[in-house]
């Protein structure tokens, strides 16, 4: 399976417009996002974010945060941990919380998920998006699944 990490931030005249603009900033604003839970197969290939077809059905794990309080610092974080057998994806978000604290929280959650499965992490990656709100703003971080689901 191929995956990509992406992130975006933007302002907008409404909550929905700010969110949509953040998705556009992350190059996933023209697709239908299907939220999925947090599991990856063992064989994952991380690729740069490709151009997606408009209206394509796209599976993802999405973290997003919104605020309309000027001066707020909003953050969204996505991380994944791979093991020999499988992988786990985590997301977190906050308003006015230090980025380092959020990244540590993501790492803790990923390590816990892997430990509960009696597995060991062989690869870990985390991305984050932070933005200082001017009027109405949204941030997103996402892990995008590119291959279709097979049963």
Protein backbone atom coordinates (compact mmCIF):
# COMPACT_ATOMS: atom_id res chain seq x y z
CA UNK A 1 0.00 0.00 0.00
CA UNK A 2 1.14 3.53 -0.77
CA UNK A 3 0.57 6.40 1.65
CA UNK A 4 1.34 10.11 1.78
CA UNK A 5 1.50 12.63 4.58
CA UNK A 6 0.16 16.10 3.93
CA UNK A 7 -0.72 19.23 5.87
CA UNK A 8 -2.30 22.62 5.34
CA UNK A 9 -3.46 25.82 7.01
CA UNK A 10 -5.70 28.66 5.97
CA UNK A 11 -8.09 31.39 6.95
CA UNK A 12 -11.63 31.76 5.59
CA UNK A 13 -14.81 33.79 6.09
CA UNK A 14 -16.55 30.84 7.84
CA UNK A 15 -15.51 27.69 9.70
CA UNK A 16 -16.34 25.55 6.64
CA UNK A 17 -14.46 27.84 4.27
CA UNK A 18 -11.39 27.89 6.52
CA UNK A 19 -11.44 24.07 6.65
CA UNK A 20 -11.92 23.80 2.88
CA UNK A 21 -9.08 26.24 2.27
CA UNK A 22 -6.78 24.25 4.59
CA UNK A 23 -7.65 21.10 2.61
CA UNK A 24 -6.81 22.95 -0.61
CA UNK A 25 -3.50 24.05 0.93
CA UNK A 26 -2.76 20.37 1.64
CA UNK A 27 -3.67 19.37 -1.96
CA UNK A 28 -6.66 17.29 -0.83
CA UNK A 29 -9.43 19.87 -1.21
CA UNK A 30 -10.89 18.51 -4.43
CA UNK A 31 -11.49 14.93 -3.28
CA UNK A 32 -14.02 13.18 -1.07
CA UNK A 33 -12.25 12.24 2.13
CA UNK A 34 -13.33 9.03 3.81
CA UNK A 35 -12.14 8.88 7.41
CA UNK A 36 -10.81 5.49 8.44
CA UNK A 37 -9.40 4.21 11.70
CA UNK A 38 -5.74 3.86 12.35
CA UNK A 39 -4.25 0.67 10.92
CA UNK A 40 -1.69 0.18 8.16
CA UNK A 41 -0.56 -3.04 6.52
CA UNK A 42 3.03 -4.17 7.06
CA UNK A 43 4.15 -3.34 3.54
CA UNK A 44 3.77 0.43 3.28
CA UNK A 45 5.52 2.69 0.82
CA UNK A 46 5.49 6.40 1.66
CA UNK A 47 5.37 8.55 -1.47
CA UNK A 48 5.21 12.31 -2.09
CA UNK A 49 1.65 13.62 -2.29
CA UNK A 50 0.50 13.01 -5.88
CA UNK A 51 -2.11 14.94 -7.82
CA UNK A 52 -5.48 13.37 -7.00
CA UNK A 53 -8.40 13.19 -9.42
CA UNK A 54 -11.22 15.63 -8.62
CA UNK A 55 -14.05 13.98 -6.65
CA UNK A 56 -11.98 10.81 -6.10
CA UNK A 57 -12.99 8.77 -3.01
CA UNK A 58 -9.91 9.01 -0.78
CA UNK A 59 -9.33 7.14 2.48
CA UNK A 60 -7.47 9.06 5.15
CA UNK A 61 -6.75 9.57 8.81
CA UNK A 62 -7.35 13.26 9.40
CA UNK A 63 -6.50 15.63 12.23
CA UNK A 64 -8.01 19.10 12.09
CA UNK A 65 -8.41 22.09 14.37
CA UNK A 66 -10.37 25.33 13.99
CA UNK A 67 -10.50 28.61 15.91
CA UNK A 68 -12.12 31.99 15.41
CA UNK A 69 -10.24 33.60 18.28
CA UNK A 70 -7.55 35.94 16.87
CA UNK A 71 -4.13 35.14 18.27
CA UNK A 72 -4.86 31.49 19.03
CA UNK A 73 -2.20 29.07 17.85
CA UNK A 74 -3.90 26.01 16.37
CA UNK A 75 -2.12 22.75 15.63
CA UNK A 76 -2.93 19.43 13.97
CA UNK A 77 -0.60 16.41 14.17
CA UNK A 78 -0.52 13.03 12.38
CA UNK A 79 2.01 10.29 13.09
CA UNK A 80 2.49 6.66 12.17
CA UNK A 81 4.54 3.82 13.58
CA UNK A 82 5.40 0.78 11.48
CA UNK A 83 6.32 -2.67 12.75
CA UNK A 84 7.25 -5.84 10.85
CA UNK A 85 3.60 -6.98 11.04
CA UNK A 86 1.54 -3.78 10.68
CA UNK A 87 1.38 -0.07 11.41
CA UNK A 88 -0.62 2.30 13.59
CA UNK A 89 -1.65 5.89 12.81
CA UNK A 90 -2.43 8.49 15.48
CA UNK A 91 -3.77 12.01 15.38
CA UNK A 92 -3.98 14.82 17.88
CA UNK A 93 -4.85 18.51 17.81
CA UNK A 94 -5.03 21.49 20.14
CA UNK A 95 -5.40 25.20 20.63
CA UNK A 96 -2.56 27.09 22.36
CA UNK A 97 -0.65 23.93 23.32
CA UNK A 98 3.11 23.72 22.67
CA UNK A 99 3.99 21.84 19.48
CA UNK A 100 6.60 19.77 21.27
CA UNK A 101 3.98 18.59 23.77
CA UNK A 102 1.61 17.55 20.96
CA UNK A 103 4.38 15.71 19.11
CA UNK A 104 5.31 13.89 22.33
CA UNK A 105 1.63 13.01 22.83
CA UNK A 106 1.48 11.54 19.32
CA UNK A 107 4.65 9.53 19.92
CA UNK A 108 3.29 8.21 23.24
CA UNK A 109 -0.01 7.12 21.62
CA UNK A 110 1.76 5.37 18.74
CA UNK A 111 4.16 3.59 21.10
CA UNK A 112 1.26 2.52 23.32
CA UNK A 113 -0.76 1.13 20.38
CA UNK A 114 2.24 -0.87 19.17
CA UNK A 115 3.10 -2.10 22.67
CA UNK A 116 -0.51 -3.30 23.25
CA UNK A 117 -0.09 -5.50 20.18
CA UNK A 118 3.22 -6.90 21.47
CA UNK A 119 5.09 -5.44 18.51
CA UNK A 120 8.16 -3.22 18.07
CA UNK A 121 8.45 0.00 16.10
CA UNK A 122 10.85 -0.11 13.16
CA UNK A 123 9.86 3.25 11.64
CA UNK A 124 8.13 6.33 13.03
CA UNK A 125 7.19 9.61 11.38
CA UNK A 126 5.26 12.65 12.56
CA UNK A 127 4.07 15.80 10.75
CA UNK A 128 2.35 18.84 12.17
CA UNK A 129 0.73 22.04 10.99
CA UNK A 130 0.54 25.14 13.19
CA UNK A 131 -1.10 28.48 12.39
CA UNK A 132 -1.72 31.70 14.33
CA UNK A 133 -5.34 32.74 13.83
CA UNK A 134 -6.02 36.11 12.26
CA UNK A 135 -9.84 35.84 12.12
CA UNK A 136 -11.16 32.33 11.33
CA UNK A 137 -8.65 29.60 10.63
CA UNK A 138 -8.24 25.87 10.25
CA UNK A 139 -5.27 23.51 10.16
CA UNK A 140 -5.13 19.92 8.98
CA UNK A 141 -2.64 17.07 8.94
CA UNK A 142 -3.51 13.86 7.14
CA UNK A 143 -2.27 10.44 6.18
CA UNK A 144 -3.67 9.55 2.75
CA UNK A 145 -4.17 5.95 1.60
CA UNK A 146 -3.62 5.62 -2.16
CA UNK A 147 -4.35 1.98 -2.93
CA UNK A 148 -7.89 0.65 -3.05
CA UNK A 149 -9.14 -1.56 -0.26
CA UNK A 150 -8.85 -5.25 -1.13
CA UNK A 151 -10.64 -8.08 0.67
